[in-house]
Amino acid sequence: MRTEQDDSDHAQAIVFVTEFERIADVLVADLENPRTPAKQLPGLRDELYQVRAQIRRLEDEYGLRNSVRERG
């Protein structure tokens, strides 16, 4: 049975996933931008990997894989 705290935690996780997805979108855009200096690419890839890992952890922990994607 879910508690009010569980619902609050779930809602906060959705917000975090949404924000992390926005960050990932910016990182992908930077990686695909031909003007991004080659020296920055490894750091951007590492950061993108970390952001995506955090998204997966939150989705797994709070069962968000379907609910976040359905919101669009």
PDB file of N, CA and C in Angstrom:
ATOM      1  N   MET A   1       0.842  -1.183   0.000  1.00  0.00           N
ATOM      2  CA  MET A   1       0.000   0.000   0.000  1.00  0.00           C
ATOM      3  C   MET A   1       0.887   1.247   0.000  1.00  0.00           C
ATOM      4  N   ARG A   2       0.587   2.155  -0.915  1.00  0.00           N
ATOM      5  CA  ARG A   2       1.390   3.370  -1.025  1.00  0.00           C
ATOM      6  C   ARG A   2       0.953   4.392   0.006  1.00  0.00           C
ATOM      7  N   THR A   3       1.928   5.061   0.561  1.00  0.00           N
ATOM      8  CA  THR A   3       1.647   6.115   1.534  1.00  0.00           C
ATOM      9  C   THR A   3       1.728   7.472   0.844  1.00  0.00           C
ATOM     10  N   GLU A   4       1.350   8.484   1.601  1.00  0.00           N
ATOM     11  CA  GLU A   4       1.441   9.849   1.072  1.00  0.00           C
ATOM     12  C   GLU A   4       2.897  10.199   0.748  1.00  0.00           C
ATOM     13  N   GLN A   5       3.813   9.720   1.588  1.00  0.00           N
ATOM     14  CA  GLN A   5       5.243   9.953   1.341  1.00  0.00           C
ATOM     15  C   GLN A   5       5.679   9.243   0.069  1.00  0.00           C
ATOM     16  N   ASP A   6       5.199   8.027  -0.153  1.00  0.00           N
ATOM     17  CA  ASP A   6       5.523   7.295  -1.377  1.00  0.00           C
ATOM     18  C   ASP A   6       5.050   8.068  -2.599  1.00  0.00           C
ATOM     19  N   ASP A   7       3.835   8.611  -2.521  1.00  0.00           N
ATOM     20  CA  ASP A   7       3.301   9.391  -3.638  1.00  0.00           C
ATOM     21  C   ASP A   7       4.144  10.638  -3.886  1.00  0.00           C
ATOM     22  N   SER A   8       4.572  11.274  -2.802  1.00  0.00           N
ATOM     23  CA  SER A   8       5.420  12.466  -2.914  1.00  0.00           C
ATOM     24  C   SER A   8       6.771  12.112  -3.527  1.00  0.00           C
ATOM     25  N   ASP A   9       7.359  11.019  -3.055  1.00  0.00           N
ATOM     26  CA  ASP A   9       8.647  10.573  -3.597  1.00  0.00           C
ATOM     27  C   ASP A   9       8.519  10.235  -5.078  1.00  0.00           C
ATOM     28  N   HIS A  10       7.440   9.578  -5.444  1.00  0.00           N
ATOM     29  CA  HIS A  10       7.191   9.192  -6.840  1.00  0.00           C
ATOM     30  C   HIS A  10       7.061  10.440  -7.714  1.00  0.00           C
ATOM     31  N   ALA A  11       6.302  11.414  -7.234  1.00  0.00           N
ATOM     32  CA  ALA A  11       6.124  12.656  -7.994  1.00  0.00           C
ATOM     33  C   ALA A  11       7.446  13.392  -8.154  1.00  0.00           C
ATOM     34  N   GLN A  12       8.245  13.426  -7.102  1.00  0.00           N
ATOM     35  CA  GLN A  12       9.550  14.093  -7.179  1.00  0.00           C
ATOM     36  C   GLN A  12      10.472  13.364  -8.145  1.00  0.00           C
ATOM     37  N   ALA A  13      10.416  12.043  -8.155  1.00  0.00           N
ATOM     38  CA  ALA A  13      11.235  11.266  -9.088  1.00  0.00           C
ATOM     39  C   ALA A  13      10.855  11.585 -10.530  1.00  0.00           C
ATOM     40  N   ILE A  14       9.564  11.753 -10.793  1.00  0.00           N
ATOM     41  CA  ILE A  14       9.110  12.120 -12.142  1.00  0.00           C
ATOM     42  C   ILE A  14       9.699  13.464 -12.539  1.00  0.00           C
ATOM     43  N   VAL A  15       9.690  14.416 -11.616  1.00  0.00           N
ATOM     44  CA  VAL A  15      10.258  15.743 -11.902  1.00  0.00           C
ATOM     45  C   VAL A  15      11.749  15.613 -12.195  1.00  0.00           C
ATOM     46  N   PHE A  16      12.455  14.841 -11.384  1.00  0.00           N
ATOM     47  CA  PHE A  16      13.895  14.664 -11.615  1.00  0.00           C
ATOM     48  C   PHE A  16      14.174  14.019 -12.967  1.00  0.00           C
ATOM     49  N   VAL A  17      13.431  12.986 -13.312  1.00  0.00           N
ATOM     50  CA  VAL A  17      13.636  12.319 -14.601  1.00  0.00           C
ATOM     51  C   VAL A  17      13.398  13.301 -15.741  1.00  0.00           C
ATOM     52  N   THR A  18      12.350  14.097 -15.641  1.00  0.00           N
ATOM     53  CA  THR A  18      12.054  15.087 -16.678  1.00  0.00           C
ATOM     54  C   THR A  18      13.201  16.082 -16.831  1.00  0.00           C
ATOM     55  N   GLU A  19      13.729  16.553 -15.705  1.00  0.00           N
ATOM     56  CA  GLU A  19      14.840  17.498 -15.749  1.00  0.00           C
ATOM     57  C   GLU A  19      16.115  16.843 -16.285  1.00  0.00           C
ATOM     58  N   PHE A  20      16.396  15.622 -15.853  1.00  0.00           N
ATOM     59  CA  PHE A  20      17.567  14.912 -16.374  1.00  0.00           C
ATOM     60  C   PHE A  20      17.436  14.668 -17.877  1.00  0.00           C
ATOM     61  N   GLU A  21      16.231  14.407 -18.346  1.00  0.00           N
ATOM     62  CA  GLU A  21      16.030  14.212 -19.789  1.00  0.00           C
ATOM     63  C   GLU A  21      16.296  15.503 -20.550  1.00  0.00           C
ATOM     64  N   ARG A  22      15.930  16.628 -19.975  1.00  0.00           N
ATOM     65  CA  ARG A  22      16.241  17.923 -20.616  1.00  0.00           C
ATOM     66  C   ARG A  22      17.743  18.143 -20.678  1.00  0.00           C
ATOM     67  N   ILE A  23      18.431  17.814 -19.594  1.00  0.00           N
ATOM     68  CA  ILE A  23      19.888  17.942 -19.580  1.00  0.00           C
ATOM     69  C   ILE A  23      20.501  17.030 -20.639  1.00  0.00           C
ATOM     70  N   ALA A  24      20.011  15.801 -20.735  1.00  0.00           N
ATOM     71  CA  ALA A  24      20.520  14.857 -21.733  1.00  0.00           C
ATOM     72  C   ALA A  24      20.303  15.401 -23.140  1.00  0.00           C
ATOM     73  N   ASP A  25      19.149  16.020 -23.389  1.00  0.00           N
ATOM     74  CA  ASP A  25      18.878  16.598 -24.712  1.00  0.00           C
ATOM     75  C   ASP A  25      19.895  17.681 -25.055  1.00  0.00           C
ATOM     76  N   VAL A  26      20.232  18.518 -24.084  1.00  0.00           N
ATOM     77  CA  VAL A  26      21.217  19.585 -24.308  1.00  0.00           C
ATOM     78  C   VAL A  26      22.589  18.974 -24.583  1.00  0.00           C
ATOM     79  N   LEU A  27      22.947  17.951 -23.820  1.00  0.00           N
ATOM     80  CA  LEU A  27      24.242  17.303 -24.033  1.00  0.00           C
ATOM     81  C   LEU A  27      24.322  16.663 -25.411  1.00  0.00           C
ATOM     82  N   VAL A  28      23.247  16.008 -25.840  1.00  0.00           N
ATOM     83  CA  VAL A  28      23.228  15.398 -27.174  1.00  0.00           C
ATOM     84  C   VAL A  28      23.377  16.482 -28.241  1.00  0.00           C
ATOM     85  N   ALA A  29      22.671  17.593 -28.070  1.00  0.00           N
ATOM     86  CA  ALA A  29      22.778  18.691 -29.032  1.00  0.00           C
ATOM     87  C   ALA A  29      24.205  19.214 -29.093  1.00  0.00           C
ATOM     88  N   ASP A  30      24.847  19.338 -27.926  1.00  0.00           N
ATOM     89  CA  ASP A  30      26.242  19.794 -27.906  1.00  0.00           C
ATOM     90  C   ASP A  30      27.158  18.785 -28.592  1.00  0.00           C
ATOM     91  N   LEU A  31      26.917  17.501 -28.360  1.00  0.00           N
ATOM     92  CA  LEU A  31      27.745  16.466 -28.989  1.00  0.00           C
ATOM     93  C   LEU A  31      27.568  16.445 -30.505  1.00  0.00           C
ATOM     94  N   GLU A  32      26.376  16.735 -30.969  1.00  0.00           N
ATOM     95  CA  GLU A  32      26.103  16.704 -32.407  1.00  0.00           C
ATOM     96  C   GLU A  32      26.468  18.014 -33.109  1.00  0.00           C
ATOM     97  N   ASN A  33      26.735  19.048 -32.343  1.00  0.00           N
ATOM     98  CA  ASN A  33      27.073  20.347 -32.906  1.00  0.00           C
ATOM     99  C   ASN A  33      28.505  20.311 -33.448  1.00  0.00           C
ATOM    100  N   PRO A  34      28.668  20.567 -34.744  1.00  0.00           N
ATOM    101  CA  PRO A  34      30.017  20.519 -35.317  1.00  0.00           C
ATOM    102  C   PRO A  34      30.948  21.599 -34.752  1.00  0.00           C
ATOM    103  N   ARG A  35      30.407  22.603 -34.110  1.00  0.00           N
ATOM    104  CA  ARG A  35      31.237  23.673 -33.541  1.00  0.00           C
ATOM    105  C   ARG A  35      31.752  23.344 -32.140  1.00  0.00           C
ATOM    106  N   THR A  36      31.280  22.257 -31.574  1.00  0.00           N
ATOM    107  CA  THR A  36      31.780  21.865 -30.257  1.00  0.00           C
ATOM    108  C   THR A  36      33.224  21.403 -30.401  1.00  0.00           C
ATOM    109  N   PRO A  37      34.138  22.017 -29.645  1.00  0.00           N
ATOM    110  CA  PRO A  37      35.549  21.625 -29.742  1.00  0.00           C
ATOM    111  C   PRO A  37      35.753  20.153 -29.401  1.00  0.00           C
ATOM    112  N   ALA A  38      36.622  19.508 -30.150  1.00  0.00           N
ATOM    113  CA  ALA A  38      36.903  18.084 -29.964  1.00  0.00           C
ATOM    114  C   ALA A  38      37.373  17.776 -28.539  1.00  0.00           C
ATOM    115  N   LYS A  39      38.061  18.717 -27.913  1.00  0.00           N
ATOM    116  CA  LYS A  39      38.540  18.514 -26.545  1.00  0.00           C
ATOM    117  C   LYS A  39      37.389  18.332 -25.550  1.00  0.00           C
ATOM    118  N   GLN A  40      36.228  18.917 -25.863  1.00  0.00           N
ATOM    119  CA  GLN A  40      35.083  18.857 -24.952  1.00  0.00           C
ATOM    120  C   GLN A  40      34.260  17.577 -25.120  1.00  0.00           C
ATOM    121  N   LEU A  41      34.396  16.907 -26.241  1.00  0.00           N
ATOM    122  CA  LEU A  41      33.550  15.758 -26.542  1.00  0.00           C
ATOM    123  C   LEU A  41      33.655  14.626 -25.516  1.00  0.00           C
ATOM    124  N   PRO A  42      34.845  14.224 -25.091  1.00  0.00           N
ATOM    125  CA  PRO A  42      34.903  13.140 -24.098  1.00  0.00           C
ATOM    126  C   PRO A  42      34.179  13.496 -22.792  1.00  0.00           C
ATOM    127  N   GLY A  43      34.337  14.709 -22.337  1.00  0.00           N
ATOM    128  CA  GLY A  43      33.665  15.153 -21.111  1.00  0.00           C
ATOM    129  C   GLY A  43      32.157  15.185 -21.269  1.00  0.00           C
ATOM    130  N   LEU A  44      31.693  15.634 -22.438  1.00  0.00           N
ATOM    131  CA  LEU A  44      30.257  15.670 -22.704  1.00  0.00           C
ATOM    132  C   LEU A  44      29.678  14.259 -22.765  1.00  0.00           C
ATOM    133  N   ARG A  45      30.415  13.350 -23.412  1.00  0.00           N
ATOM    134  CA  ARG A  45      29.955  11.944 -23.477  1.00  0.00           C
ATOM    135  C   ARG A  45      29.881  11.321 -22.088  1.00  0.00           C
ATOM    136  N   ASP A  46      30.883  11.605 -21.259  1.00  0.00           N
ATOM    137  CA  ASP A  46      30.891  11.076 -19.899  1.00  0.00           C
ATOM    138  C   ASP A  46      29.706  11.627 -19.093  1.00  0.00           C
ATOM    139  N   GLU A  47      29.477  12.926 -19.223  1.00  0.00           N
ATOM    140  CA  GLU A  47      28.357  13.540 -18.514  1.00  0.00           C
ATOM    141  C   GLU A  47      27.022  12.968 -18.989  1.00  0.00           C
ATOM    142  N   LEU A  48      26.883  12.771 -20.296  1.00  0.00           N
ATOM    143  CA  LEU A  48      25.656  12.190 -20.843  1.00  0.00           C
ATOM    144  C   LEU A  48      25.460  10.777 -20.303  1.00  0.00           C
ATOM    145  N   TYR A  49      26.526   9.997 -20.250  1.00  0.00           N
ATOM    146  CA  TYR A  49      26.450   8.642 -19.710  1.00  0.00           C
ATOM    147  C   TYR A  49      25.956   8.676 -18.255  1.00  0.00           C
ATOM    148  N   GLN A  50      26.501   9.587 -17.461  1.00  0.00           N
ATOM    149  CA  GLN A  50      26.114   9.698 -16.058  1.00  0.00           C
ATOM    150  C   GLN A  50      24.655  10.132 -15.904  1.00  0.00           C
ATOM    151  N   VAL A  51      24.223  11.070 -16.730  1.00  0.00           N
ATOM    152  CA  VAL A  51      22.833  11.539 -16.666  1.00  0.00           C
ATOM    153  C   VAL A  51      21.882  10.404 -17.044  1.00  0.00           C
ATOM    154  N   ARG A  52      22.205   9.685 -18.103  1.00  0.00           N
ATOM    155  CA  ARG A  52      21.344   8.570 -18.516  1.00  0.00           C
ATOM    156  C   ARG A  52      21.318   7.463 -17.466  1.00  0.00           C
ATOM    157  N   ALA A  53      22.433   7.230 -16.804  1.00  0.00           N
ATOM    158  CA  ALA A  53      22.479   6.225 -15.732  1.00  0.00           C
ATOM    159  C   ALA A  53      21.577   6.649 -14.573  1.00  0.00           C
ATOM    160  N   GLN A  54      21.592   7.930 -14.248  1.00  0.00           N
ATOM    161  CA  GLN A  54      20.734   8.425 -13.168  1.00  0.00           C
ATOM    162  C   GLN A  54      19.259   8.297 -13.553  1.00  0.00           C
ATOM    163  N   ILE A  55      18.937   8.577 -14.797  1.00  0.00           N
ATOM    164  CA  ILE A  55      17.559   8.416 -15.270  1.00  0.00           C
ATOM    165  C   ILE A  55      17.131   6.960 -15.106  1.00  0.00           C
ATOM    166  N   ARG A  56      17.976   6.037 -15.546  1.00  0.00           N
ATOM    167  CA  ARG A  56      17.646   4.605 -15.422  1.00  0.00           C
ATOM    168  C   ARG A  56      17.458   4.198 -13.968  1.00  0.00           C
ATOM    169  N   ARG A  57      18.327   4.696 -13.073  1.00  0.00           N
ATOM    170  CA  ARG A  57      18.195   4.354 -11.650  1.00  0.00           C
ATOM    171  C   ARG A  57      16.858   4.835 -11.092  1.00  0.00           C
ATOM    172  N   LEU A  58      16.494   6.062 -11.409  1.00  0.00           N
ATOM    173  CA  LEU A  58      15.216   6.596 -10.924  1.00  0.00           C
ATOM    174  C   LEU A  58      14.040   5.827 -11.516  1.00  0.00           C
ATOM    175  N   GLU A  59      14.116   5.551 -12.805  1.00  0.00           N
ATOM    176  CA  GLU A  59      13.033   4.803 -13.455  1.00  0.00           C
ATOM    177  C   GLU A  59      12.886   3.419 -12.837  1.00  0.00           C
ATOM    178  N   ASP A  60      13.992   2.771 -12.562  1.00  0.00           N
ATOM    179  CA  ASP A  60      13.947   1.438 -11.959  1.00  0.00           C
ATOM    180  C   ASP A  60      13.423   1.499 -10.528  1.00  0.00           C
ATOM    181  N   GLU A  61      13.936   2.436  -9.764  1.00  0.00           N
ATOM    182  CA  GLU A  61      13.563   2.544  -8.348  1.00  0.00           C
ATOM    183  C   GLU A  61      12.084   2.881  -8.161  1.00  0.00           C
ATOM    184  N   TYR A  62      11.554   3.739  -9.011  1.00  0.00           N
ATOM    185  CA  TYR A  62      10.181   4.225  -8.842  1.00  0.00           C
ATOM    186  C   TYR A  62       9.216   3.684  -9.896  1.00  0.00           C
ATOM    187  N   GLY A  63       9.676   2.734 -10.705  1.00  0.00           N
ATOM    188  CA  GLY A  63       8.791   2.134 -11.710  1.00  0.00           C
ATOM    189  C   GLY A  63       8.279   3.148 -12.703  1.00  0.00           C
ATOM    190  N   LEU A  64       9.162   3.987 -13.211  1.00  0.00           N
ATOM    191  CA  LEU A  64       8.742   5.111 -14.067  1.00  0.00           C
ATOM    192  C   LEU A  64       8.897   4.855 -15.548  1.00  0.00           C
ATOM    193  N   ARG A  65       9.473   3.764 -15.943  1.00  0.00           N
ATOM    194  CA  ARG A  65       9.755   3.571 -17.369  1.00  0.00           C
ATOM    195  C   ARG A  65       8.537   3.819 -18.246  1.00  0.00           C
ATOM    196  N   ASN A  66       7.388   3.329 -17.866  1.00  0.00           N
ATOM    197  CA  ASN A  66       6.193   3.537 -18.671  1.00  0.00           C
ATOM    198  C   ASN A  66       5.485   4.839 -18.329  1.00  0.00           C
ATOM    199  N   SER A  67       5.365   5.182 -17.054  1.00  0.00           N
ATOM    200  CA  SER A  67       4.578   6.344 -16.670  1.00  0.00           C
ATOM    201  C   SER A  67       5.178   7.647 -17.181  1.00  0.00           C
ATOM    202  N   VAL A  68       6.506   7.785 -17.151  1.00  0.00           N
ATOM    203  CA  VAL A  68       7.135   9.021 -17.628  1.00  0.00           C
ATOM    204  C   VAL A  68       7.000   9.115 -19.152  1.00  0.00           C
ATOM    205  N   ARG A  69       7.205   8.011 -19.824  1.00  0.00           N
ATOM    206  CA  ARG A  69       7.121   8.019 -21.288  1.00  0.00           C
ATOM    207  C   ARG A  69       5.688   8.298 -21.767  1.00  0.00           C
ATOM    208  N   GLU A  70       4.704   7.812 -21.038  1.00  0.00           N
ATOM    209  CA  GLU A  70       3.300   8.012 -21.434  1.00  0.00           C
ATOM    210  C   GLU A  70       2.887   9.474 -21.318  1.00  0.00           C
ATOM    211  N   ARG A  71       3.516  10.208 -20.374  1.00  0.00           N
ATOM    212  CA  ARG A  71       3.163  11.626 -20.206  1.00  0.00           C
ATOM    213  C   ARG A  71       3.572  12.430 -21.431  1.00  0.00           C
ATOM    214  N   GLY A  72       4.550  11.912 -22.156  1.00  0.00           N
ATOM    215  CA  GLY A  72       4.979  12.581 -23.377  1.00  0.00           C
ATOM    216  C   GLY A  72       5.985  13.586 -23.093  1.00  0.00           C
TER     217      GLY A  72
END
